[in-house]
Amino acid sequence: MSNKYAQFIKALRTKRGFSQSALAIKLGISRPSYIAIEQGKKELTLSEAEKLSEIFGVSIKEMESGISANYEKYKQMILACIRNAGSKKDGRITKTKLAKLIYLADFAWFYNHLESMSGMQYRKIQYGPVPDSYFRAIDELFEDGQIEIIPTEDGAMLISQTRNGAKIALSEINKDEEKLIKNISDKWKDKNTKEIVTFTHNQLPYAVCLDNEIIPYELITQENPGDVY
């Protein structure tokens, strides 16, 4: 396996508090060999990549992309979008529209800062783009009593936050990120689900990828500024 993510591995090692010698021992290689991996001079084998994935608690795909997902932050982004984009009448938003708003926030943040807000990997599916973890996050927020889900006659799911959800502090989201989420929510708040689905599907990142493929964040940098969200 090509070592395309040397700097990311080094950053994870430092963040987790491992020494180079300690990781070398865990991988069963010499310290000079491990240093060569971090310097991009030695290719990482599949076995070594799998061991590092387990040690750091990230997927191999995350290591390849150089982006580590923040699942708790992603759940807070869901709550932030509900708070900002929920209907004026009852605070509800469709499950599909909610997923689109979070996607726009993540990719718009990357457009401006060359890094993702949540680190989630978005997949091209019929009603995507959406991370595989979106549905689990929604289920967990529901089970924790932070959101309410109401099915409609046409098969849609309407989501709103509960009183408990409104009490949750969005501690993982900084002020600039919160401002971007609000700006995106304000733009799309009065638009219906079909409109935002059409918009995101016409964007370059979704349009050029194959079905079920992970959408590279870098593609959004080629989008026209007015079409980022």
C-alpha atoms as a PDB file:
ATOM      1  CA  MET A   1       0.000   0.000   0.000  1.00  0.00           C
ATOM      2  CA  SER A   2       1.399   3.359  -1.015  1.00  0.00           C
ATOM      3  CA  ASN A   3       2.241   5.655   1.892  1.00  0.00           C
ATOM      4  CA  LYS A   4       0.261   8.704   0.734  1.00  0.00           C
ATOM      5  CA  TYR A   5      -0.589   9.819   4.239  1.00  0.00           C
ATOM      6  CA  ALA A   6       2.725  10.202   6.074  1.00  0.00           C
ATOM      7  CA  GLN A   7       1.921  13.602   7.609  1.00  0.00           C
ATOM      8  CA  PHE A   8      -1.470  12.394   8.804  1.00  0.00           C
ATOM      9  CA  ILE A   9       0.110   9.394  10.531  1.00  0.00           C
ATOM     10  CA  LYS A  10       2.647  11.658  12.208  1.00  0.00           C
ATOM     11  CA  ALA A  11      -0.107  14.022  13.373  1.00  0.00           C
ATOM     12  CA  LEU A  12      -2.157  11.139  14.790  1.00  0.00           C
ATOM     13  CA  ARG A  13       0.878   9.715  16.594  1.00  0.00           C
ATOM     14  CA  THR A  14       1.614  13.077  18.196  1.00  0.00           C
ATOM     15  CA  LYS A  15      -2.028  13.622  19.129  1.00  0.00           C
ATOM     16  CA  ARG A  16      -2.293  10.166  20.722  1.00  0.00           C
ATOM     17  CA  GLY A  17       0.979  10.619  22.627  1.00  0.00           C
ATOM     18  CA  PHE A  18       2.924   7.748  21.059  1.00  0.00           C
ATOM     19  CA  SER A  19       6.665   7.855  20.523  1.00  0.00           C
ATOM     20  CA  GLN A  20       8.130   6.686  17.232  1.00  0.00           C
ATOM     21  CA  SER A  21       9.801   3.806  19.056  1.00  0.00           C
ATOM     22  CA  ALA A  22       6.512   2.699  20.643  1.00  0.00           C
ATOM     23  CA  LEU A  23       4.704   2.567  17.312  1.00  0.00           C
ATOM     24  CA  ALA A  24       7.633   0.799  15.678  1.00  0.00           C
ATOM     25  CA  ILE A  25       7.360  -1.937  18.314  1.00  0.00           C
ATOM     26  CA  LYS A  26       3.590  -2.227  17.812  1.00  0.00           C
ATOM     27  CA  LEU A  27       4.114  -2.582  14.059  1.00  0.00           C
ATOM     28  CA  GLY A  28       6.966  -5.048  14.497  1.00  0.00           C
ATOM     29  CA  ILE A  29       9.474  -2.929  12.588  1.00  0.00           C
ATOM     30  CA  SER A  30      12.607  -0.983  13.479  1.00  0.00           C
ATOM     31  CA  ARG A  31      12.474   2.657  14.557  1.00  0.00           C
ATOM     32  CA  PRO A  32      14.379   3.812  11.425  1.00  0.00           C
ATOM     33  CA  SER A  33      11.820   1.964   9.282  1.00  0.00           C
ATOM     34  CA  TYR A  34       8.968   3.701  11.090  1.00  0.00           C
ATOM     35  CA  ILE A  35      10.641   7.097  10.708  1.00  0.00           C
ATOM     36  CA  ALA A  36      10.937   6.395   6.974  1.00  0.00           C
ATOM     37  CA  ILE A  37       7.156   5.827   6.882  1.00  0.00           C
ATOM     38  CA  GLU A  38       6.474   9.216   8.492  1.00  0.00           C
ATOM     39  CA  GLN A  39       8.894  10.846   6.064  1.00  0.00           C
ATOM     40  CA  GLY A  40       7.137   9.260   3.105  1.00  0.00           C
ATOM     41  CA  LYS A  41      10.259   7.344   2.119  1.00  0.00           C
ATOM     42  CA  LYS A  42       8.885   3.884   2.881  1.00  0.00           C
ATOM     43  CA  GLU A  43       5.662   2.416   1.580  1.00  0.00           C
ATOM     44  CA  LEU A  44       3.157   1.208   4.134  1.00  0.00           C
ATOM     45  CA  THR A  45       2.089  -2.418   3.758  1.00  0.00           C
ATOM     46  CA  LEU A  46      -1.574  -3.360   4.040  1.00  0.00           C
ATOM     47  CA  SER A  47      -0.833  -5.187   7.298  1.00  0.00           C
ATOM     48  CA  GLU A  48       0.890  -2.106   8.744  1.00  0.00           C
ATOM     49  CA  ALA A  49      -1.975   0.126   7.623  1.00  0.00           C
ATOM     50  CA  GLU A  50      -4.496  -2.176   9.311  1.00  0.00           C
ATOM     51  CA  LYS A  51      -2.483  -2.142  12.553  1.00  0.00           C
ATOM     52  CA  LEU A  52      -2.221   1.663  12.529  1.00  0.00           C
ATOM     53  CA  SER A  53      -5.940   1.909  11.800  1.00  0.00           C
ATOM     54  CA  GLU A  54      -6.667  -0.160  14.906  1.00  0.00           C
ATOM     55  CA  ILE A  55      -4.157   1.730  17.075  1.00  0.00           C
ATOM     56  CA  PHE A  56      -5.398   5.194  16.086  1.00  0.00           C
ATOM     57  CA  GLY A  57      -9.086   4.277  15.943  1.00  0.00           C
ATOM     58  CA  VAL A  58      -9.561   5.568  12.407  1.00  0.00           C
ATOM     59  CA  SER A  59     -10.394   3.775   9.177  1.00  0.00           C
ATOM     60  CA  ILE A  60      -7.851   3.155   6.437  1.00  0.00           C
ATOM     61  CA  LYS A  61      -9.959   5.414   4.201  1.00  0.00           C
ATOM     62  CA  GLU A  62      -9.585   8.211   6.743  1.00  0.00           C
ATOM     63  CA  MET A  63      -5.828   7.718   6.764  1.00  0.00           C
ATOM     64  CA  GLU A  64      -5.760   7.772   2.963  1.00  0.00           C
ATOM     65  CA  SER A  65      -7.790  10.975   2.828  1.00  0.00           C
ATOM     66  CA  GLY A  66      -5.840  12.617   5.644  1.00  0.00           C
ATOM     67  CA  ILE A  67      -9.121  13.520   7.338  1.00  0.00           C
ATOM     68  CA  SER A  68     -10.165  12.110  10.697  1.00  0.00           C
ATOM     69  CA  ALA A  69     -13.892  12.152  11.408  1.00  0.00           C
ATOM     70  CA  ASN A  70     -15.297  13.798  14.535  1.00  0.00           C
ATOM     71  CA  TYR A  71     -18.508  11.855  15.102  1.00  0.00           C
ATOM     72  CA  GLU A  72     -19.701  13.850  18.123  1.00  0.00           C
ATOM     73  CA  LYS A  73     -19.162  17.091  16.244  1.00  0.00           C
ATOM     74  CA  TYR A  74     -21.133  15.692  13.322  1.00  0.00           C
ATOM     75  CA  LYS A  75     -24.069  14.974  15.644  1.00  0.00           C
ATOM     76  CA  GLN A  76     -23.875  18.534  16.941  1.00  0.00           C
ATOM     77  CA  MET A  77     -23.921  19.784  13.340  1.00  0.00           C
ATOM     78  CA  ILE A  78     -27.184  17.882  12.897  1.00  0.00           C
ATOM     79  CA  LEU A  79     -28.670  19.681  15.903  1.00  0.00           C
ATOM     80  CA  ALA A  80     -27.344  23.028  14.680  1.00  0.00           C
ATOM     81  CA  CYS A  81     -28.992  22.582  11.278  1.00  0.00           C
ATOM     82  CA  ILE A  82     -32.297  21.590  12.878  1.00  0.00           C
ATOM     83  CA  ARG A  83     -32.201  24.687  15.091  1.00  0.00           C
ATOM     84  CA  ASN A  84     -31.417  27.015  12.203  1.00  0.00           C
ATOM     85  CA  ALA A  85     -33.386  25.483   9.336  1.00  0.00           C
ATOM     86  CA  GLY A  86     -36.443  23.979  11.004  1.00  0.00           C
ATOM     87  CA  SER A  87     -39.829  25.229   9.860  1.00  0.00           C
ATOM     88  CA  LYS A  88     -40.977  28.494  11.448  1.00  0.00           C
ATOM     89  CA  LYS A  89     -44.286  26.807  12.180  1.00  0.00           C
ATOM     90  CA  ASP A  90     -43.172  23.687  14.048  1.00  0.00           C
ATOM     91  CA  GLY A  91     -39.366  23.528  13.837  1.00  0.00           C
ATOM     92  CA  ARG A  92     -39.476  20.438  11.633  1.00  0.00           C
ATOM     93  CA  ILE A  93     -37.269  19.563   8.676  1.00  0.00           C
ATOM     94  CA  THR A  94     -37.229  16.530   6.406  1.00  0.00           C
ATOM     95  CA  LYS A  95     -34.542  13.939   7.022  1.00  0.00           C
ATOM     96  CA  THR A  96     -33.293  14.282   3.444  1.00  0.00           C
ATOM     97  CA  LYS A  97     -33.087  18.086   3.514  1.00  0.00           C
ATOM     98  CA  LEU A  98     -31.263  17.918   6.842  1.00  0.00           C
ATOM     99  CA  ALA A  99     -28.638  15.593   5.366  1.00  0.00           C
ATOM    100  CA  LYS A 100     -28.120  17.999   2.465  1.00  0.00           C
ATOM    101  CA  LEU A 101     -27.595  21.000   4.740  1.00  0.00           C
ATOM    102  CA  ILE A 102     -24.900  19.197   6.716  1.00  0.00           C
ATOM    103  CA  TYR A 103     -23.208  18.142   3.478  1.00  0.00           C
ATOM    104  CA  LEU A 104     -23.227  21.739   2.227  1.00  0.00           C
ATOM    105  CA  ALA A 105     -21.740  22.944   5.517  1.00  0.00           C
ATOM    106  CA  ASP A 106     -18.936  20.378   5.429  1.00  0.00           C
ATOM    107  CA  PHE A 107     -18.015  21.015   1.798  1.00  0.00           C
ATOM    108  CA  ALA A 108     -18.415  24.809   2.017  1.00  0.00           C
ATOM    109  CA  TRP A 109     -16.061  24.805   4.996  1.00  0.00           C
ATOM    110  CA  PHE A 110     -13.564  22.807   2.955  1.00  0.00           C
ATOM    111  CA  TYR A 111     -13.959  25.279   0.071  1.00  0.00           C
ATOM    112  CA  ASN A 112     -12.855  28.123   2.342  1.00  0.00           C
ATOM    113  CA  HIS A 113     -10.373  26.359   4.628  1.00  0.00           C
ATOM    114  CA  LEU A 114      -9.217  23.231   2.756  1.00  0.00           C
ATOM    115  CA  GLU A 115     -10.372  21.063   5.638  1.00  0.00           C
ATOM    116  CA  SER A 116     -13.674  19.445   6.491  1.00  0.00           C
ATOM    117  CA  MET A 117     -15.791  20.640   9.383  1.00  0.00           C
ATOM    118  CA  SER A 118     -16.615  17.133  10.621  1.00  0.00           C
ATOM    119  CA  GLY A 119     -14.170  14.927   8.731  1.00  0.00           C
ATOM    120  CA  MET A 120     -16.987  12.642   7.590  1.00  0.00           C
ATOM    121  CA  GLN A 121     -16.703  10.835   4.259  1.00  0.00           C
ATOM    122  CA  TYR A 122     -19.728  11.444   2.023  1.00  0.00           C
ATOM    123  CA  ARG A 123     -21.015   8.792  -0.344  1.00  0.00           C
ATOM    124  CA  LYS A 124     -22.902   9.275  -3.616  1.00  0.00           C
ATOM    125  CA  ILE A 125     -26.270   7.552  -3.238  1.00  0.00           C
ATOM    126  CA  GLN A 126     -29.683   8.330  -4.692  1.00  0.00           C
ATOM    127  CA  TYR A 127     -30.676  10.713  -1.909  1.00  0.00           C
ATOM    128  CA  GLY A 128     -27.102  11.633  -0.979  1.00  0.00           C
ATOM    129  CA  PRO A 129     -24.459  12.838  -0.641  1.00  0.00           C
ATOM    130  CA  VAL A 130     -24.450  11.447   2.876  1.00  0.00           C
ATOM    131  CA  PRO A 131     -21.992   9.730   5.246  1.00  0.00           C
ATOM    132  CA  ASP A 132     -22.669   6.114   6.141  1.00  0.00           C
ATOM    133  CA  SER A 133     -22.871   7.284   9.772  1.00  0.00           C
ATOM    134  CA  TYR A 134     -25.743   9.730   9.166  1.00  0.00           C
ATOM    135  CA  PHE A 135     -28.486   7.191   9.770  1.00  0.00           C
ATOM    136  CA  ARG A 136     -26.801   5.867  12.916  1.00  0.00           C
ATOM    137  CA  ALA A 137     -26.384   9.418  14.222  1.00  0.00           C
ATOM    138  CA  ILE A 138     -30.079  10.160  13.649  1.00  0.00           C
ATOM    139  CA  ASP A 139     -31.068   6.946  15.439  1.00  0.00           C
ATOM    140  CA  GLU A 140     -28.818   7.772  18.404  1.00  0.00           C
ATOM    141  CA  LEU A 141     -30.151  11.323  18.715  1.00  0.00           C
ATOM    142  CA  PHE A 142     -33.678   9.905  18.673  1.00  0.00           C
ATOM    143  CA  GLU A 143     -32.881   7.215  21.241  1.00  0.00           C
ATOM    144  CA  ASP A 144     -31.242   9.831  23.480  1.00  0.00           C
ATOM    145  CA  GLY A 145     -34.402  11.940  23.350  1.00  0.00           C
ATOM    146  CA  GLN A 146     -32.725  14.856  21.579  1.00  0.00           C
ATOM    147  CA  ILE A 147     -34.843  14.759  18.419  1.00  0.00           C
ATOM    148  CA  GLU A 148     -38.353  13.725  17.443  1.00  0.00           C
ATOM    149  CA  ILE A 149     -39.100  11.872  14.195  1.00  0.00           C
ATOM    150  CA  ILE A 150     -42.547  11.928  12.614  1.00  0.00           C
ATOM    151  CA  PRO A 151     -43.282   9.882   9.458  1.00  0.00           C
ATOM    152  CA  THR A 152     -45.543  11.451   6.843  1.00  0.00           C
ATOM    153  CA  GLU A 153     -48.104   9.808   4.581  1.00  0.00           C
ATOM    154  CA  ASP A 154     -45.809  10.171   1.561  1.00  0.00           C
ATOM    155  CA  GLY A 155     -42.955   8.328   3.275  1.00  0.00           C
ATOM    156  CA  ALA A 156     -40.868  11.318   4.344  1.00  0.00           C
ATOM    157  CA  MET A 157     -39.468  11.714   7.850  1.00  0.00           C
ATOM    158  CA  LEU A 158     -39.914  15.038   9.651  1.00  0.00           C
ATOM    159  CA  ILE A 159     -37.307  15.770  12.308  1.00  0.00           C
ATOM    160  CA  SER A 160     -37.374  18.364  15.069  1.00  0.00           C
ATOM    161  CA  GLN A 161     -35.405  18.845  18.258  1.00  0.00           C
ATOM    162  CA  THR A 162     -36.928  18.107  21.644  1.00  0.00           C
ATOM    163  CA  ARG A 163     -36.581  20.158  24.815  1.00  0.00           C
ATOM    164  CA  ASN A 164     -33.683  17.921  25.792  1.00  0.00           C
ATOM    165  CA  GLY A 165     -32.077  18.486  22.411  1.00  0.00           C
ATOM    166  CA  ALA A 166     -32.406  22.246  22.782  1.00  0.00           C
ATOM    167  CA  LYS A 167     -30.370  22.051  25.997  1.00  0.00           C
ATOM    168  CA  ILE A 168     -27.383  20.410  24.302  1.00  0.00           C
ATOM    169  CA  ALA A 169     -24.418  22.778  24.060  1.00  0.00           C
ATOM    170  CA  LEU A 170     -22.770  22.749  20.643  1.00  0.00           C
ATOM    171  CA  SER A 171     -19.329  22.758  22.206  1.00  0.00           C
ATOM    172  CA  GLU A 172     -17.557  21.116  19.252  1.00  0.00           C
ATOM    173  CA  ILE A 173     -18.633  23.836  16.803  1.00  0.00           C
ATOM    174  CA  ASN A 174     -16.733  27.128  16.821  1.00  0.00           C
ATOM    175  CA  LYS A 175     -18.296  30.524  16.117  1.00  0.00           C
ATOM    176  CA  ASP A 176     -17.167  30.696  12.490  1.00  0.00           C
ATOM    177  CA  GLU A 177     -18.524  27.210  11.808  1.00  0.00           C
ATOM    178  CA  GLU A 178     -21.780  28.111  13.530  1.00  0.00           C
ATOM    179  CA  LYS A 179     -22.033  31.240  11.378  1.00  0.00           C
ATOM    180  CA  LEU A 180     -21.564  29.240   8.179  1.00  0.00           C
ATOM    181  CA  ILE A 181     -24.219  26.721   9.230  1.00  0.00           C
ATOM    182  CA  LYS A 182     -26.613  29.601   9.922  1.00  0.00           C
ATOM    183  CA  ASN A 183     -25.889  31.251   6.564  1.00  0.00           C
ATOM    184  CA  ILE A 184     -26.531  27.996   4.707  1.00  0.00           C
ATOM    185  CA  SER A 185     -29.663  27.304   6.740  1.00  0.00           C
ATOM    186  CA  ASP A 186     -31.008  30.815   6.113  1.00  0.00           C
ATOM    187  CA  LYS A 187     -30.532  30.388   2.363  1.00  0.00           C
ATOM    188  CA  TRP A 188     -32.356  27.050   2.224  1.00  0.00           C
ATOM    189  CA  LYS A 189     -34.838  27.357   5.088  1.00  0.00           C
ATOM    190  CA  ASP A 190     -37.789  28.275   2.866  1.00  0.00           C
ATOM    191  CA  LYS A 191     -36.810  25.930   0.017  1.00  0.00           C
ATOM    192  CA  ASN A 192     -38.358  22.487  -0.271  1.00  0.00           C
ATOM    193  CA  THR A 193     -36.507  19.184  -0.195  1.00  0.00           C
ATOM    194  CA  LYS A 194     -36.675  18.658  -3.950  1.00  0.00           C
ATOM    195  CA  GLU A 195     -34.965  21.995  -4.603  1.00  0.00           C
ATOM    196  CA  ILE A 196     -31.971  21.281  -2.372  1.00  0.00           C
ATOM    197  CA  VAL A 197     -31.677  17.724  -3.718  1.00  0.00           C
ATOM    198  CA  THR A 198     -31.557  19.069  -7.275  1.00  0.00           C
ATOM    199  CA  PHE A 199     -28.979  21.691  -6.295  1.00  0.00           C
ATOM    200  CA  THR A 200     -26.587  19.255  -4.606  1.00  0.00           C
ATOM    201  CA  HIS A 201     -26.953  16.678  -7.376  1.00  0.00           C
ATOM    202  CA  ASN A 202     -26.035  19.307  -9.971  1.00  0.00           C
ATOM    203  CA  GLN A 203     -22.896  20.286  -8.082  1.00  0.00           C
ATOM    204  CA  LEU A 204     -19.603  19.045  -9.496  1.00  0.00           C
ATOM    205  CA  PRO A 205     -18.676  16.717  -6.572  1.00  0.00           C
ATOM    206  CA  TYR A 206     -21.874  14.675  -6.889  1.00  0.00           C
ATOM    207  CA  ALA A 207     -22.119  14.859 -10.678  1.00  0.00           C
ATOM    208  CA  VAL A 208     -18.674  13.467 -11.516  1.00  0.00           C
ATOM    209  CA  CYS A 209     -18.592  10.601  -9.009  1.00  0.00           C
ATOM    210  CA  LEU A 210     -19.901   7.096  -9.591  1.00  0.00           C
ATOM    211  CA  ASP A 211     -22.816   5.639  -7.639  1.00  0.00           C
ATOM    212  CA  ASN A 212     -21.840   4.537  -4.122  1.00  0.00           C
ATOM    213  CA  GLU A 213     -18.426   6.191  -4.474  1.00  0.00           C
ATOM    214  CA  ILE A 214     -16.876   8.328  -1.715  1.00  0.00           C
ATOM    215  CA  ILE A 215     -16.934  11.960  -2.867  1.00  0.00           C
ATOM    216  CA  PRO A 216     -13.542  13.720  -2.556  1.00  0.00           C
ATOM    217  CA  TYR A 217     -13.772  17.047  -0.742  1.00  0.00           C
ATOM    218  CA  GLU A 218     -11.233  18.523  -3.161  1.00  0.00           C
ATOM    219  CA  LEU A 219     -13.813  18.549  -5.964  1.00  0.00           C
ATOM    220  CA  ILE A 220     -15.745  21.393  -4.319  1.00  0.00           C
ATOM    221  CA  THR A 221     -12.772  23.728  -4.854  1.00  0.00           C
ATOM    222  CA  GLN A 222     -13.511  23.575  -8.596  1.00  0.00           C
ATOM    223  CA  GLU A 223     -17.085  24.769  -8.092  1.00  0.00           C
ATOM    224  CA  ASN A 224     -18.149  28.334  -8.887  1.00  0.00           C
ATOM    225  CA  PRO A 225     -18.190  30.454  -5.680  1.00  0.00           C
ATOM    226  CA  GLY A 226     -21.905  31.143  -6.018  1.00  0.00           C
ATOM    227  CA  ASP A 227     -22.684  27.436  -6.330  1.00  0.00           C
ATOM    228  CA  VAL A 228     -20.867  26.175  -3.209  1.00  0.00           C
ATOM    229  CA  TYR A 229     -24.095  26.384  -1.199  1.00  0.00           C
END
